[in-house]
Amino acid sequence: MGLIQRIIEAAGIATISVTLSRGISQKVKPPRAVYTGFPLGHPFAYPHQRFRQLQLLRLLLNYMETLETPGRIVVHNLTHDGDPEAHCVLCQGL
């Protein structure tokens, strides 16, 4: 994905990816990436976890605006249990 991202970025379009493998992303060096801690096959959380999916979407949109360092991989562990509203600052008011 990082190779495709660089081509799209060269055309002036900002990109960000969700990575399931920090090691591979560190080697490929995508322009922007977020590691969520979810297992393979679940890049956007588990099915029916609306709060986690919205949380990730809002994090991605936020980082699209704020990450300026190329090759940066942001690490978030979104797999913890508990009340989602207590942990999802960006999801408040939904």
N, C-alpha and C. Protein backbone atom coordinates (compact mmCIF):
# COMPACT_ATOMS: atom_id res chain seq x y z
N MET A 1 0.82 -1.20 0.00
CA MET A 1 0.00 0.00 0.00
C MET A 1 0.86 1.25 0.00
N GLY A 2 1.99 1.22 0.69
CA GLY A 2 2.84 2.40 0.77
C GLY A 2 3.35 2.87 -0.58
N LEU A 3 3.61 1.92 -1.48
CA LEU A 3 4.08 2.29 -2.81
C LEU A 3 3.00 3.03 -3.59
N ILE A 4 1.78 2.54 -3.50
CA ILE A 4 0.65 3.20 -4.17
C ILE A 4 0.40 4.56 -3.53
N GLN A 5 0.52 4.63 -2.21
CA GLN A 5 0.31 5.91 -1.52
C GLN A 5 1.27 6.97 -2.02
N ARG A 6 2.53 6.60 -2.22
CA ARG A 6 3.51 7.59 -2.68
C ARG A 6 3.15 8.14 -4.06
N ILE A 7 2.65 7.29 -4.93
CA ILE A 7 2.25 7.74 -6.27
C ILE A 7 1.06 8.70 -6.17
N ILE A 8 0.09 8.36 -5.34
CA ILE A 8 -1.08 9.23 -5.15
C ILE A 8 -0.67 10.55 -4.52
N GLU A 9 0.23 10.49 -3.53
CA GLU A 9 0.71 11.71 -2.87
C GLU A 9 1.47 12.60 -3.86
N ALA A 10 2.21 11.99 -4.79
CA ALA A 10 2.94 12.76 -5.79
C ALA A 10 1.99 13.57 -6.68
N ALA A 11 0.75 13.10 -6.79
CA ALA A 11 -0.26 13.82 -7.57
C ALA A 11 -0.96 14.89 -6.75
N GLY A 12 -0.54 15.05 -5.48
CA GLY A 12 -1.10 16.11 -4.64
C GLY A 12 -2.28 15.69 -3.78
N ILE A 13 -2.53 14.40 -3.68
CA ILE A 13 -3.66 13.90 -2.88
C ILE A 13 -3.10 13.24 -1.62
N ALA A 14 -3.53 13.72 -0.46
CA ALA A 14 -3.06 13.16 0.80
C ALA A 14 -3.65 11.77 1.03
N THR A 15 -2.85 10.88 1.61
CA THR A 15 -3.30 9.52 1.90
C THR A 15 -2.91 9.13 3.32
N ILE A 16 -3.59 8.11 3.83
CA ILE A 16 -3.24 7.52 5.12
C ILE A 16 -3.68 6.06 5.06
N SER A 17 -2.95 5.19 5.73
CA SER A 17 -3.32 3.78 5.71
C SER A 17 -3.44 3.24 7.12
N VAL A 18 -4.22 2.18 7.24
CA VAL A 18 -4.32 1.43 8.48
C VAL A 18 -3.40 0.23 8.30
N THR A 19 -2.46 0.06 9.20
CA THR A 19 -1.53 -1.05 9.07
C THR A 19 -1.77 -2.09 10.15
N LEU A 20 -1.64 -3.33 9.76
CA LEU A 20 -1.76 -4.44 10.70
C LEU A 20 -0.39 -5.00 11.06
N SER A 21 0.64 -4.53 10.38
CA SER A 21 2.01 -4.98 10.64
C SER A 21 2.94 -3.77 10.68
N ARG A 22 3.35 -3.42 11.89
CA ARG A 22 4.26 -2.27 12.02
C ARG A 22 5.58 -2.54 11.32
N GLY A 23 6.07 -3.77 11.41
CA GLY A 23 7.35 -4.13 10.81
C GLY A 23 7.37 -3.91 9.31
N ILE A 24 6.33 -4.37 8.64
CA ILE A 24 6.26 -4.20 7.19
C ILE A 24 6.12 -2.72 6.84
N SER A 25 5.29 -2.01 7.58
CA SER A 25 5.10 -0.58 7.31
C SER A 25 6.39 0.21 7.53
N GLN A 26 7.19 -0.18 8.52
CA GLN A 26 8.46 0.51 8.75
C GLN A 26 9.41 0.30 7.59
N LYS A 27 9.32 -0.84 6.93
CA LYS A 27 10.19 -1.10 5.77
C LYS A 27 9.67 -0.41 4.51
N VAL A 28 8.35 -0.41 4.32
CA VAL A 28 7.75 0.19 3.12
C VAL A 28 7.71 1.71 3.21
N LYS A 29 7.58 2.23 4.43
CA LYS A 29 7.54 3.67 4.69
C LYS A 29 6.41 4.40 3.95
N PRO A 30 5.16 4.08 4.26
CA PRO A 30 4.06 4.83 3.65
C PRO A 30 4.09 6.27 4.16
N PRO A 31 3.52 7.20 3.41
CA PRO A 31 3.53 8.60 3.85
C PRO A 31 2.93 8.80 5.24
N ARG A 32 1.81 8.16 5.52
CA ARG A 32 1.15 8.23 6.83
C ARG A 32 0.50 6.89 7.08
N ALA A 33 0.61 6.40 8.33
CA ALA A 33 -0.02 5.12 8.67
C ALA A 33 -0.40 5.12 10.14
N VAL A 34 -1.47 4.40 10.44
CA VAL A 34 -1.91 4.22 11.82
C VAL A 34 -1.96 2.72 12.10
N TYR A 35 -1.27 2.29 13.14
CA TYR A 35 -1.30 0.91 13.61
C TYR A 35 -2.30 0.84 14.75
N THR A 36 -3.29 -0.05 14.63
CA THR A 36 -4.38 -0.09 15.61
C THR A 36 -4.29 -1.22 16.61
N GLY A 37 -3.49 -2.23 16.32
CA GLY A 37 -3.38 -3.38 17.22
C GLY A 37 -4.39 -4.47 16.93
N PHE A 38 -5.27 -4.27 15.95
CA PHE A 38 -6.24 -5.31 15.61
C PHE A 38 -5.53 -6.44 14.86
N PRO A 39 -6.05 -7.66 14.96
CA PRO A 39 -5.41 -8.79 14.29
C PRO A 39 -5.66 -8.77 12.78
N LEU A 40 -4.91 -9.60 12.07
CA LEU A 40 -5.09 -9.72 10.62
C LEU A 40 -6.54 -10.05 10.30
N GLY A 41 -7.04 -9.44 9.25
CA GLY A 41 -8.42 -9.66 8.85
C GLY A 41 -9.41 -8.68 9.45
N HIS A 42 -8.94 -7.85 10.38
CA HIS A 42 -9.84 -6.89 11.04
C HIS A 42 -9.18 -5.50 11.08
N PRO A 43 -8.86 -4.92 9.94
CA PRO A 43 -8.16 -3.63 9.96
C PRO A 43 -8.98 -2.49 10.56
N PHE A 44 -10.30 -2.59 10.48
CA PHE A 44 -11.18 -1.53 10.98
C PHE A 44 -12.01 -2.00 12.16
N ALA A 45 -11.43 -2.82 13.02
CA ALA A 45 -12.09 -3.39 14.20
C ALA A 45 -12.91 -4.61 13.79
N TYR A 46 -13.57 -5.18 14.78
CA TYR A 46 -14.38 -6.37 14.53
C TYR A 46 -15.75 -5.96 14.00
N PRO A 47 -16.45 -6.88 13.32
CA PRO A 47 -17.78 -6.56 12.81
C PRO A 47 -18.71 -6.09 13.93
N HIS A 48 -19.54 -5.14 13.62
CA HIS A 48 -20.57 -4.61 14.51
C HIS A 48 -20.01 -3.78 15.66
N GLN A 49 -18.73 -3.44 15.66
CA GLN A 49 -18.17 -2.57 16.69
C GLN A 49 -18.18 -1.13 16.17
N ARG A 50 -19.37 -0.60 16.07
CA ARG A 50 -19.55 0.72 15.49
C ARG A 50 -18.70 1.78 16.17
N PHE A 51 -18.63 1.74 17.50
CA PHE A 51 -17.87 2.75 18.24
C PHE A 51 -16.39 2.69 17.88
N ARG A 52 -15.82 1.50 17.74
CA ARG A 52 -14.40 1.38 17.38
C ARG A 52 -14.18 1.82 15.93
N GLN A 53 -15.09 1.46 15.05
CA GLN A 53 -14.95 1.83 13.65
C GLN A 53 -15.03 3.35 13.48
N LEU A 54 -15.95 3.98 14.18
CA LEU A 54 -16.03 5.45 14.13
C LEU A 54 -14.81 6.09 14.77
N GLN A 55 -14.33 5.50 15.85
CA GLN A 55 -13.14 6.02 16.51
C GLN A 55 -11.96 6.00 15.54
N LEU A 56 -11.78 4.89 14.86
CA LEU A 56 -10.67 4.77 13.93
C LEU A 56 -10.84 5.73 12.75
N LEU A 57 -12.04 5.83 12.21
CA LEU A 57 -12.28 6.74 11.10
C LEU A 57 -11.95 8.18 11.49
N ARG A 58 -12.37 8.59 12.67
CA ARG A 58 -12.10 9.96 13.12
C ARG A 58 -10.61 10.18 13.40
N LEU A 59 -9.95 9.16 13.93
CA LEU A 59 -8.50 9.27 14.12
C LEU A 59 -7.80 9.44 12.78
N LEU A 60 -8.20 8.66 11.80
CA LEU A 60 -7.59 8.75 10.47
C LEU A 60 -7.80 10.14 9.86
N LEU A 61 -9.01 10.65 9.95
CA LEU A 61 -9.28 11.98 9.40
C LEU A 61 -8.48 13.05 10.13
N ASN A 62 -8.36 12.91 11.44
CA ASN A 62 -7.56 13.85 12.23
C ASN A 62 -6.10 13.81 11.80
N TYR A 63 -5.56 12.63 11.64
CA TYR A 63 -4.15 12.51 11.26
C TYR A 63 -3.91 12.93 9.82
N MET A 64 -4.91 12.84 8.97
CA MET A 64 -4.75 13.34 7.60
C MET A 64 -4.42 14.82 7.62
N GLU A 65 -4.99 15.54 8.58
CA GLU A 65 -4.77 16.98 8.67
C GLU A 65 -3.49 17.33 9.43
N THR A 66 -3.10 16.50 10.40
CA THR A 66 -2.04 16.92 11.32
C THR A 66 -0.69 16.27 11.09
N LEU A 67 -0.63 15.09 10.50
CA LEU A 67 0.66 14.43 10.28
C LEU A 67 1.37 15.05 9.09
N GLU A 68 2.51 15.62 9.33
CA GLU A 68 3.27 16.22 8.24
C GLU A 68 4.59 15.53 8.01
N THR A 69 5.03 14.70 8.96
CA THR A 69 6.30 14.00 8.84
C THR A 69 6.12 12.76 7.97
N PRO A 70 6.75 12.70 6.80
CA PRO A 70 6.60 11.52 5.94
C PRO A 70 7.13 10.26 6.62
N GLY A 71 6.44 9.15 6.40
CA GLY A 71 6.87 7.89 6.95
C GLY A 71 6.49 7.65 8.39
N ARG A 72 5.71 8.53 8.95
CA ARG A 72 5.33 8.40 10.37
C ARG A 72 4.27 7.33 10.54
N ILE A 73 4.47 6.45 11.53
CA ILE A 73 3.50 5.42 11.88
C ILE A 73 3.01 5.72 13.28
N VAL A 74 1.74 6.06 13.41
CA VAL A 74 1.14 6.36 14.70
C VAL A 74 0.62 5.05 15.29
N VAL A 75 0.90 4.82 16.56
CA VAL A 75 0.49 3.58 17.21
C VAL A 75 -0.64 3.88 18.19
N HIS A 76 -1.77 3.22 17.99
CA HIS A 76 -2.92 3.31 18.90
C HIS A 76 -3.37 1.89 19.19
N ASN A 77 -3.54 1.55 20.46
CA ASN A 77 -4.11 0.26 20.80
C ASN A 77 -5.59 0.45 21.03
N LEU A 78 -6.38 0.17 20.02
CA LEU A 78 -7.82 0.35 20.10
C LEU A 78 -8.53 -0.94 20.48
N THR A 79 -7.78 -1.95 20.90
CA THR A 79 -8.37 -3.26 21.17
C THR A 79 -8.74 -3.46 22.63
N HIS A 80 -8.54 -2.46 23.49
CA HIS A 80 -8.85 -2.63 24.91
C HIS A 80 -10.36 -2.73 25.14
N ASP A 81 -10.71 -3.40 26.22
CA ASP A 81 -12.13 -3.58 26.57
C ASP A 81 -12.61 -2.41 27.41
N GLY A 82 -13.86 -2.43 27.73
CA GLY A 82 -14.43 -1.41 28.60
C GLY A 82 -15.43 -0.55 27.86
N ASP A 83 -15.85 0.49 28.53
CA ASP A 83 -16.83 1.41 27.96
C ASP A 83 -16.19 2.19 26.82
N PRO A 84 -16.67 2.05 25.60
CA PRO A 84 -16.05 2.74 24.48
C PRO A 84 -16.12 4.25 24.59
N GLU A 85 -17.18 4.76 25.17
CA GLU A 85 -17.31 6.21 25.28
C GLU A 85 -16.29 6.80 26.24
N ALA A 86 -15.84 6.01 27.20
CA ALA A 86 -14.84 6.50 28.15
C ALA A 86 -13.47 6.62 27.51
N HIS A 87 -13.23 5.86 26.45
CA HIS A 87 -11.91 5.84 25.83
C HIS A 87 -11.86 6.61 24.51
N CYS A 88 -12.98 6.85 23.91
CA CYS A 88 -13.02 7.46 22.59
C CYS A 88 -13.35 8.94 22.69
N VAL A 89 -12.32 9.74 22.86
CA VAL A 89 -12.51 11.17 23.00
C VAL A 89 -13.14 11.75 21.73
N LEU A 90 -12.75 11.24 20.58
CA LEU A 90 -13.26 11.77 19.32
C LEU A 90 -14.68 11.32 19.02
N CYS A 91 -15.20 10.33 19.78
CA CYS A 91 -16.56 9.82 19.54
C CYS A 91 -17.59 10.42 20.48
N GLN A 92 -17.19 11.32 21.35
CA GLN A 92 -18.12 11.89 22.31
C GLN A 92 -19.26 12.60 21.57
N GLY A 93 -20.46 12.42 22.06
CA GLY A 93 -21.61 13.09 21.49
C GLY A 93 -22.28 12.36 20.35
N LEU A 94 -21.84 11.14 20.05
CA LEU A 94 -22.49 10.38 18.96
C LEU A 94 -23.75 9.73 19.45
